[in-house]
PDB file of N, CA and C in Angstrom:
ATOM      1  N   UNK A   1     217.398 188.234  73.209  1.00  0.00           N
ATOM      2  CA  UNK A   1     216.631 189.015  74.157  1.00  0.00           C
ATOM      3  C   UNK A   1     215.372 189.591  73.497  1.00  0.00           C
ATOM      4  N   UNK A   2     215.487 189.951  72.240  1.00  0.00           N
ATOM      5  CA  UNK A   2     214.350 190.557  71.549  1.00  0.00           C
ATOM      6  C   UNK A   2     213.187 189.582  71.455  1.00  0.00           C
ATOM      7  N   UNK A   3     213.487 188.323  71.201  1.00  0.00           N
ATOM      8  CA  UNK A   3     212.454 187.309  71.060  1.00  0.00           C
ATOM      9  C   UNK A   3     212.009 186.737  72.396  1.00  0.00           C
ATOM     10  N   UNK A   4     212.597 187.197  73.480  1.00  0.00           N
ATOM     11  CA  UNK A   4     212.289 186.716  74.831  1.00  0.00           C
ATOM     12  C   UNK A   4     212.446 185.203  74.927  1.00  0.00           C
ATOM     13  N   UNK A   5     213.524 184.728  74.292  1.00  0.00           N
ATOM     14  CA  UNK A   5     213.838 183.301  74.349  1.00  0.00           C
ATOM     15  C   UNK A   5     215.086 183.112  75.183  1.00  0.00           C
ATOM     16  N   UNK A   6     215.220 181.927  75.735  1.00  0.00           N
ATOM     17  CA  UNK A   6     216.417 181.611  76.515  1.00  0.00           C
ATOM     18  C   UNK A   6     217.452 180.885  75.668  1.00  0.00           C
ATOM     19  N   UNK A   7     217.030 180.333  74.554  1.00  0.00           N
ATOM     20  CA  UNK A   7     217.911 179.546  73.704  1.00  0.00           C
ATOM     21  C   UNK A   7     218.347 180.360  72.493  1.00  0.00           C
ATOM     22  N   UNK A   8     219.639 180.326  72.211  1.00  0.00           N
ATOM     23  CA  UNK A   8     220.167 180.985  71.027  1.00  0.00           C
ATOM     24  C   UNK A   8     220.129 180.018  69.858  1.00  0.00           C
ATOM     25  N   UNK A   9     219.871 180.544  68.675  1.00  0.00           N
ATOM     26  CA  UNK A   9     219.971 179.704  67.491  1.00  0.00           C
ATOM     27  C   UNK A   9     221.006 180.318  66.547  1.00  0.00           C
ATOM     28  N   UNK A  10     221.252 179.680  65.429  1.00  0.00           N
ATOM     29  CA  UNK A  10     222.295 180.126  64.509  1.00  0.00           C
ATOM     30  C   UNK A  10     222.021 181.537  63.996  1.00  0.00           C
ATOM     31  N   UNK A  11     220.778 181.847  63.714  1.00  0.00           N
ATOM     32  CA  UNK A  11     220.425 183.174  63.227  1.00  0.00           C
ATOM     33  C   UNK A  11     220.763 184.260  64.239  1.00  0.00           C
ATOM     34  N   UNK A  12     220.563 183.953  65.508  1.00  0.00           N
ATOM     35  CA  UNK A  12     220.899 184.923  66.566  1.00  0.00           C
ATOM     36  C   UNK A  12     222.395 185.228  66.565  1.00  0.00           C
ATOM     37  N   UNK A  13     223.195 184.207  66.447  1.00  0.00           N
ATOM     38  CA  UNK A  13     224.648 184.385  66.451  1.00  0.00           C
ATOM     39  C   UNK A  13     225.095 185.163  65.223  1.00  0.00           C
ATOM     40  N   UNK A  14     224.541 184.814  64.065  1.00  0.00           N
ATOM     41  CA  UNK A  14     224.924 185.511  62.841  1.00  0.00           C
ATOM     42  C   UNK A  14     224.529 186.988  62.890  1.00  0.00           C
ATOM     43  N   UNK A  15     223.344 187.289  63.381  1.00  0.00           N
ATOM     44  CA  UNK A  15     222.925 188.691  63.448  1.00  0.00           C
ATOM     45  C   UNK A  15     223.769 189.466  64.462  1.00  0.00           C
ATOM     46  N   UNK A  16     224.140 188.840  65.558  1.00  0.00           N
ATOM     47  CA  UNK A  16     225.001 189.502  66.549  1.00  0.00           C
ATOM     48  C   UNK A  16     226.373 189.788  65.956  1.00  0.00           C
ATOM     49  N   UNK A  17     226.901 188.829  65.192  1.00  0.00           N
ATOM     50  CA  UNK A  17     228.205 189.044  64.564  1.00  0.00           C
ATOM     51  C   UNK A  17     228.134 190.172  63.538  1.00  0.00           C
ATOM     52  N   UNK A  18     227.020 190.252  62.832  1.00  0.00           N
ATOM     53  CA  UNK A  18     226.842 191.315  61.854  1.00  0.00           C
ATOM     54  C   UNK A  18     226.781 192.679  62.553  1.00  0.00           C
ATOM     55  N   UNK A  19     226.072 192.756  63.663  1.00  0.00           N
ATOM     56  CA  UNK A  19     225.975 194.008  64.419  1.00  0.00           C
ATOM     57  C   UNK A  19     227.330 194.432  64.968  1.00  0.00           C
ATOM     58  N   UNK A  20     228.145 193.465  65.326  1.00  0.00           N
ATOM     59  CA  UNK A  20     229.463 193.779  65.907  1.00  0.00           C
ATOM     60  C   UNK A  20     230.529 193.954  64.824  1.00  0.00           C
ATOM     61  N   UNK A  21     230.093 193.921  63.564  1.00  0.00           N
ATOM     62  CA  UNK A  21     230.949 194.152  62.395  1.00  0.00           C
ATOM     63  C   UNK A  21     232.067 193.120  62.245  1.00  0.00           C
ATOM     64  N   UNK A  22     231.707 191.847  62.413  1.00  0.00           N
ATOM     65  CA  UNK A  22     232.632 190.743  62.147  1.00  0.00           C
ATOM     66  C   UNK A  22     232.306 190.146  60.771  1.00  0.00           C
ATOM     67  N   UNK A  23     232.239 190.999  59.775  1.00  0.00           N
ATOM     68  CA  UNK A  23     231.839 190.583  58.435  1.00  0.00           C
ATOM     69  C   UNK A  23     232.762 189.518  57.841  1.00  0.00           C
ATOM     70  N   UNK A  24     234.032 189.577  58.158  1.00  0.00           N
ATOM     71  CA  UNK A  24     234.965 188.626  57.540  1.00  0.00           C
ATOM     72  C   UNK A  24     234.713 187.191  57.993  1.00  0.00           C
ATOM     73  N   UNK A  25     234.031 187.015  59.128  1.00  0.00           N
ATOM     74  CA  UNK A  25     233.729 185.666  59.618  1.00  0.00           C
ATOM     75  C   UNK A  25     232.368 185.150  59.151  1.00  0.00           C
ATOM     76  N   UNK A  26     231.563 186.028  58.609  1.00  0.00           N
ATOM     77  CA  UNK A  26     230.191 185.664  58.262  1.00  0.00           C
ATOM     78  C   UNK A  26     230.130 184.573  57.179  1.00  0.00           C
ATOM     79  N   UNK A  27     230.838 184.766  56.086  1.00  0.00           N
ATOM     80  CA  UNK A  27     230.779 183.812  54.972  1.00  0.00           C
ATOM     81  C   UNK A  27     231.287 182.426  55.386  1.00  0.00           C
ATOM     82  N   UNK A  28     232.472 182.316  56.000  1.00  0.00           N
ATOM     83  CA  UNK A  28     232.932 180.967  56.395  1.00  0.00           C
ATOM     84  C   UNK A  28     232.021 180.315  57.430  1.00  0.00           C
ATOM     85  N   UNK A  29     231.469 181.125  58.322  1.00  0.00           N
ATOM     86  CA  UNK A  29     230.583 180.572  59.342  1.00  0.00           C
ATOM     87  C   UNK A  29     229.288 180.055  58.717  1.00  0.00           C
ATOM     88  N   UNK A  30     228.730 180.795  57.779  1.00  0.00           N
ATOM     89  CA  UNK A  30     227.509 180.350  57.089  1.00  0.00           C
ATOM     90  C   UNK A  30     227.766 179.072  56.304  1.00  0.00           C
ATOM     91  N   UNK A  31     228.913 179.009  55.641  1.00  0.00           N
ATOM     92  CA  UNK A  31     229.264 177.801  54.877  1.00  0.00           C
ATOM     93  C   UNK A  31     229.401 176.594  55.804  1.00  0.00           C
ATOM     94  N   UNK A  32     230.065 176.803  56.925  1.00  0.00           N
ATOM     95  CA  UNK A  32     230.228 175.713  57.894  1.00  0.00           C
ATOM     96  C   UNK A  32     228.886 175.263  58.451  1.00  0.00           C
ATOM     97  N   UNK A  33     228.009 176.214  58.682  1.00  0.00           N
ATOM     98  CA  UNK A  33     226.667 175.886  59.184  1.00  0.00           C
ATOM     99  C   UNK A  33     225.897 175.051  58.172  1.00  0.00           C
ATOM    100  N   UNK A  34     225.987 175.404  56.892  1.00  0.00           N
ATOM    101  CA  UNK A  34     225.303 174.638  55.851  1.00  0.00           C
ATOM    102  C   UNK A  34     225.847 173.210  55.758  1.00  0.00           C
ATOM    103  N   UNK A  35     227.164 173.080  55.842  1.00  0.00           N
ATOM    104  CA  UNK A  35     227.786 171.748  55.807  1.00  0.00           C
ATOM    105  C   UNK A  35     227.294 170.919  56.987  1.00  0.00           C
ATOM    106  N   UNK A  36     227.284 171.522  58.159  1.00  0.00           N
ATOM    107  CA  UNK A  36     226.828 170.828  59.366  1.00  0.00           C
ATOM    108  C   UNK A  36     225.371 170.388  59.217  1.00  0.00           C
ATOM    109  N   UNK A  37     224.528 171.273  58.728  1.00  0.00           N
ATOM    110  CA  UNK A  37     223.103 170.931  58.561  1.00  0.00           C
ATOM    111  C   UNK A  37     222.910 169.798  57.558  1.00  0.00           C
ATOM    112  N   UNK A  38     223.674 169.822  56.466  1.00  0.00           N
ATOM    113  CA  UNK A  38     223.567 168.735  55.483  1.00  0.00           C
ATOM    114  C   UNK A  38     223.994 167.404  56.090  1.00  0.00           C
ATOM    115  N   UNK A  39     225.074 167.436  56.875  1.00  0.00           N
ATOM    116  CA  UNK A  39     225.536 166.208  57.536  1.00  0.00           C
ATOM    117  C   UNK A  39     224.481 165.676  58.488  1.00  0.00           C
ATOM    118  N   UNK A  40     223.895 166.553  59.267  1.00  0.00           N
ATOM    119  CA  UNK A  40     222.870 166.134  60.219  1.00  0.00           C
ATOM    120  C   UNK A  40     221.649 165.591  59.501  1.00  0.00           C
ATOM    121  N   UNK A  41     221.277 166.217  58.400  1.00  0.00           N
ATOM    122  CA  UNK A  41     220.135 165.756  57.619  1.00  0.00           C
ATOM    123  C   UNK A  41     220.413 164.366  57.050  1.00  0.00           C
ATOM    124  N   UNK A  42     221.638 164.169  56.561  1.00  0.00           N
ATOM    125  CA  UNK A  42     222.024 162.863  56.030  1.00  0.00           C
ATOM    126  C   UNK A  42     221.994 161.795  57.100  1.00  0.00           C
ATOM    127  N   UNK A  43     222.467 162.118  58.287  1.00  0.00           N
ATOM    128  CA  UNK A  43     222.435 161.158  59.390  1.00  0.00           C
ATOM    129  C   UNK A  43     220.997 160.819  59.774  1.00  0.00           C
ATOM    130  N   UNK A  44     220.156 161.835  59.796  1.00  0.00           N
ATOM    131  CA  UNK A  44     218.759 161.626  60.168  1.00  0.00           C
ATOM    132  C   UNK A  44     218.061 160.721  59.150  1.00  0.00           C
ATOM    133  N   UNK A  45     218.303 160.979  57.858  1.00  0.00           N
ATOM    134  CA  UNK A  45     217.704 160.152  56.821  1.00  0.00           C
ATOM    135  C   UNK A  45     218.224 158.724  56.882  1.00  0.00           C
ATOM    136  N   UNK A  46     219.513 158.567  57.146  1.00  0.00           N
ATOM    137  CA  UNK A  46     220.096 157.226  57.255  1.00  0.00           C
ATOM    138  C   UNK A  46     219.470 156.479  58.427  1.00  0.00           C
ATOM    139  N   UNK A  47     219.256 157.187  59.528  1.00  0.00           N
ATOM    140  CA  UNK A  47     218.630 156.573  60.702  1.00  0.00           C
ATOM    141  C   UNK A  47     217.194 156.164  60.385  1.00  0.00           C
ATOM    142  N   UNK A  48     216.467 157.011  59.645  1.00  0.00           N
ATOM    143  CA  UNK A  48     215.090 156.677  59.268  1.00  0.00           C
ATOM    144  C   UNK A  48     215.068 155.440  58.392  1.00  0.00           C
ATOM    145  N   UNK A  49     215.972 155.396  57.400  1.00  0.00           N
ATOM    146  CA  UNK A  49     216.044 154.233  56.513  1.00  0.00           C
ATOM    147  C   UNK A  49     216.354 152.968  57.309  1.00  0.00           C
ATOM    148  N   UNK A  50     217.270 153.086  58.255  1.00  0.00           N
ATOM    149  CA  UNK A  50     217.648 151.945  59.085  1.00  0.00           C
ATOM    150  C   UNK A  50     216.458 151.489  59.930  1.00  0.00           C
ATOM    151  N   UNK A  51     215.745 152.452  60.506  1.00  0.00           N
ATOM    152  CA  UNK A  51     214.572 152.121  61.322  1.00  0.00           C
ATOM    153  C   UNK A  51     213.478 151.474  60.481  1.00  0.00           C
ATOM    154  N   UNK A  52     213.268 152.003  59.269  1.00  0.00           N
ATOM    155  CA  UNK A  52     212.249 151.423  58.382  1.00  0.00           C
ATOM    156  C   UNK A  52     212.617 149.989  58.023  1.00  0.00           C
ATOM    157  N   UNK A  53     213.891 149.773  57.743  1.00  0.00           N
ATOM    158  CA  UNK A  53     214.352 148.435  57.385  1.00  0.00           C
ATOM    159  C   UNK A  53     214.158 147.482  58.564  1.00  0.00           C
ATOM    160  N   UNK A  54     214.503 147.945  59.757  1.00  0.00           N
ATOM    161  CA  UNK A  54     214.334 147.115  60.952  1.00  0.00           C
ATOM    162  C   UNK A  54     212.862 146.818  61.195  1.00  0.00           C
ATOM    163  N   UNK A  55     212.011 147.824  61.006  1.00  0.00           N
ATOM    164  CA  UNK A  55     210.572 147.620  61.194  1.00  0.00           C
ATOM    165  C   UNK A  55     210.027 146.609  60.196  1.00  0.00           C
ATOM    166  N   UNK A  56     210.456 146.714  58.943  1.00  0.00           N
ATOM    167  CA  UNK A  56     209.951 145.779  57.944  1.00  0.00           C
ATOM    168  C   UNK A  56     210.445 144.362  58.234  1.00  0.00           C
ATOM    169  N   UNK A  57     211.677 144.230  58.737  1.00  0.00           N
ATOM    170  CA  UNK A  57     212.189 142.909  59.102  1.00  0.00           C
ATOM    171  C   UNK A  57     211.402 142.331  60.275  1.00  0.00           C
ATOM    172  N   UNK A  58     211.061 143.192  61.241  1.00  0.00           N
ATOM    173  CA  UNK A  58     210.259 142.732  62.378  1.00  0.00           C
ATOM    174  C   UNK A  58     208.878 142.293  61.912  1.00  0.00           C
ATOM    175  N   UNK A  59     208.293 143.053  60.985  1.00  0.00           N
ATOM    176  CA  UNK A  59     206.975 142.682  60.466  1.00  0.00           C
ATOM    177  C   UNK A  59     207.042 141.356  59.731  1.00  0.00           C
ATOM    178  N   UNK A  60     208.098 141.175  58.938  1.00  0.00           N
ATOM    179  CA  UNK A  60     208.264 139.913  58.230  1.00  0.00           C
ATOM    180  C   UNK A  60     208.398 138.762  59.216  1.00  0.00           C
ATOM    181  N   UNK A  61     209.178 138.999  60.272  1.00  0.00           N
ATOM    182  CA  UNK A  61     209.389 137.969  61.277  1.00  0.00           C
ATOM    183  C   UNK A  61     208.082 137.640  61.988  1.00  0.00           C
ATOM    184  N   UNK A  62     207.297 138.669  62.316  1.00  0.00           N
ATOM    185  CA  UNK A  62     206.030 138.427  63.012  1.00  0.00           C
ATOM    186  C   UNK A  62     205.043 137.726  62.081  1.00  0.00           C
ATOM    187  N   UNK A  63     205.090 138.055  60.784  1.00  0.00           N
ATOM    188  CA  UNK A  63     204.215 137.373  59.822  1.00  0.00           C
ATOM    189  C   UNK A  63     204.573 135.885  59.744  1.00  0.00           C
ATOM    190  N   UNK A  64     205.874 135.599  59.742  1.00  0.00           N
ATOM    191  CA  UNK A  64     206.310 134.210  59.705  1.00  0.00           C
ATOM    192  C   UNK A  64     205.843 133.475  60.954  1.00  0.00           C
ATOM    193  N   UNK A  65     205.964 134.140  62.103  1.00  0.00           N
ATOM    194  CA  UNK A  65     205.517 133.524  63.355  1.00  0.00           C
ATOM    195  C   UNK A  65     204.016 133.286  63.332  1.00  0.00           C
ATOM    196  N   UNK A  66     203.266 134.265  62.805  1.00  0.00           N
ATOM    197  CA  UNK A  66     201.818 134.113  62.701  1.00  0.00           C
ATOM    198  C   UNK A  66     201.473 132.951  61.787  1.00  0.00           C
ATOM    199  N   UNK A  67     202.193 132.846  60.683  1.00  0.00           N
ATOM    200  CA  UNK A  67     201.954 131.740  59.755  1.00  0.00           C
ATOM    201  C   UNK A  67     202.275 130.405  60.420  1.00  0.00           C
ATOM    202  N   UNK A  68     203.361 130.365  61.196  1.00  0.00           N
ATOM    203  CA  UNK A  68     203.719 129.152  61.911  1.00  0.00           C
ATOM    204  C   UNK A  68     202.627 128.787  62.913  1.00  0.00           C
ATOM    205  N   UNK A  69     202.129 129.789  63.629  1.00  0.00           N
ATOM    206  CA  UNK A  69     201.052 129.561  64.598  1.00  0.00           C
ATOM    207  C   UNK A  69     199.803 129.043  63.896  1.00  0.00           C
ATOM    208  N   UNK A  70     199.479 129.640  62.745  1.00  0.00           N
ATOM    209  CA  UNK A  70     198.311 129.197  61.986  1.00  0.00           C
ATOM    210  C   UNK A  70     198.486 127.751  61.523  1.00  0.00           C
ATOM    211  N   UNK A  71     199.686 127.423  61.068  1.00  0.00           N
ATOM    212  CA  UNK A  71     199.956 126.056  60.625  1.00  0.00           C
ATOM    213  C   UNK A  71     199.786 125.068  61.782  1.00  0.00           C
ATOM    214  N   UNK A  72     200.300 125.446  62.952  1.00  0.00           N
ATOM    215  CA  UNK A  72     200.171 124.581  64.119  1.00  0.00           C
ATOM    216  C   UNK A  72     198.705 124.386  64.490  1.00  0.00           C
ATOM    217  N   UNK A  73     197.939 125.474  64.453  1.00  0.00           N
ATOM    218  CA  UNK A  73     196.507 125.378  64.776  1.00  0.00           C
ATOM    219  C   UNK A  73     195.781 124.471  63.793  1.00  0.00           C
ATOM    220  N   UNK A  74     196.131 124.622  62.527  1.00  0.00           N
ATOM    221  CA  UNK A  74     195.488 123.792  61.502  1.00  0.00           C
ATOM    222  C   UNK A  74     195.818 122.320  61.740  1.00  0.00           C
ATOM    223  N   UNK A  75     197.070 122.028  62.075  1.00  0.00           N
ATOM    224  CA  UNK A  75     197.454 120.643  62.337  1.00  0.00           C
ATOM    225  C   UNK A  75     196.709 120.087  63.546  1.00  0.00           C
ATOM    226  N   UNK A  76     196.587 120.907  64.596  1.00  0.00           N
ATOM    227  CA  UNK A  76     195.859 120.473  65.789  1.00  0.00           C
ATOM    228  C   UNK A  76     194.395 120.221  65.468  1.00  0.00           C
ATOM    229  N   UNK A  77     193.797 121.114  64.679  1.00  0.00           N
ATOM    230  CA  UNK A  77     192.393 120.928  64.319  1.00  0.00           C
ATOM    231  C   UNK A  77     192.207 119.664  63.490  1.00  0.00           C
ATOM    232  N   UNK A  78     193.138 119.411  62.578  1.00  0.00           N
ATOM    233  CA  UNK A  78     193.051 118.195  61.769  1.00  0.00           C
ATOM    234  C   UNK A  78     193.169 116.953  62.647  1.00  0.00           C
ATOM    235  N   UNK A  79     194.077 117.002  63.618  1.00  0.00           N
ATOM    236  CA  UNK A  79     194.225 115.863  64.518  1.00  0.00           C
ATOM    237  C   UNK A  79     192.960 115.670  65.349  1.00  0.00           C
ATOM    238  N   UNK A  80     192.388 116.762  65.822  1.00  0.00           N
ATOM    239  CA  UNK A  80     191.159 116.680  66.608  1.00  0.00           C
ATOM    240  C   UNK A  80     190.022 116.128  65.761  1.00  0.00           C
ATOM    241  N   UNK A  81     189.939 116.555  64.508  1.00  0.00           N
ATOM    242  CA  UNK A  81     188.904 116.055  63.613  1.00  0.00           C
ATOM    243  C   UNK A  81     189.078 114.550  63.375  1.00  0.00           C
ATOM    244  N   UNK A  82     190.327 114.131  63.214  1.00  0.00           N
ATOM    245  CA  UNK A  82     190.586 112.703  63.000  1.00  0.00           C
ATOM    246  C   UNK A  82     190.223 111.890  64.236  1.00  0.00           C
ATOM    247  N   UNK A  83     190.507 112.441  65.415  1.00  0.00           N
ATOM    248  CA  UNK A  83     190.166 111.744  66.650  1.00  0.00           C
ATOM    249  C   UNK A  83     188.666 111.636  66.799  1.00  0.00           C
ATOM    250  N   UNK A  84     187.939 112.677  66.435  1.00  0.00           N
ATOM    251  CA  UNK A  84     186.483 112.654  66.541  1.00  0.00           C
ATOM    252  C   UNK A  84     185.899 111.628  65.571  1.00  0.00           C
ATOM    253  N   UNK A  85     186.480 111.542  64.409  1.00  0.00           N
ATOM    254  CA  UNK A  85     186.006 110.571  63.430  1.00  0.00           C
ATOM    255  C   UNK A  85     186.258 109.166  63.945  1.00  0.00           C
ATOM    256  N   UNK A  86     187.402 108.924  64.560  1.00  0.00           N
ATOM    257  CA  UNK A  86     187.736 107.624  65.105  1.00  0.00           C
ATOM    258  C   UNK A  86     186.780 107.241  66.236  1.00  0.00           C
ATOM    259  N   UNK A  87     186.335 108.206  67.003  1.00  0.00           N
ATOM    260  CA  UNK A  87     185.459 107.921  68.139  1.00  0.00           C
ATOM    261  C   UNK A  87     184.086 107.740  67.638  1.00  0.00           C
TER     262      UNK A  87
END
């Protein structure tokens, strides 16, 4: 209420518990919060690594396709050049 926000965050809950004198729950709750945050951070980093790997694979695939397209164009140009020479 003090911050005029509608969403509660972990700090809000911890400060409310402190005001209501639930000190015995503070330490385990803080520890659990830290564990949760580390897990979420690890998941986020793993997802980023996975996305980067997928992006690099897509880039490699598109490069291969571009190279294939270039090879096809070169072959067509060579054939056209040979036909022009024949004519």
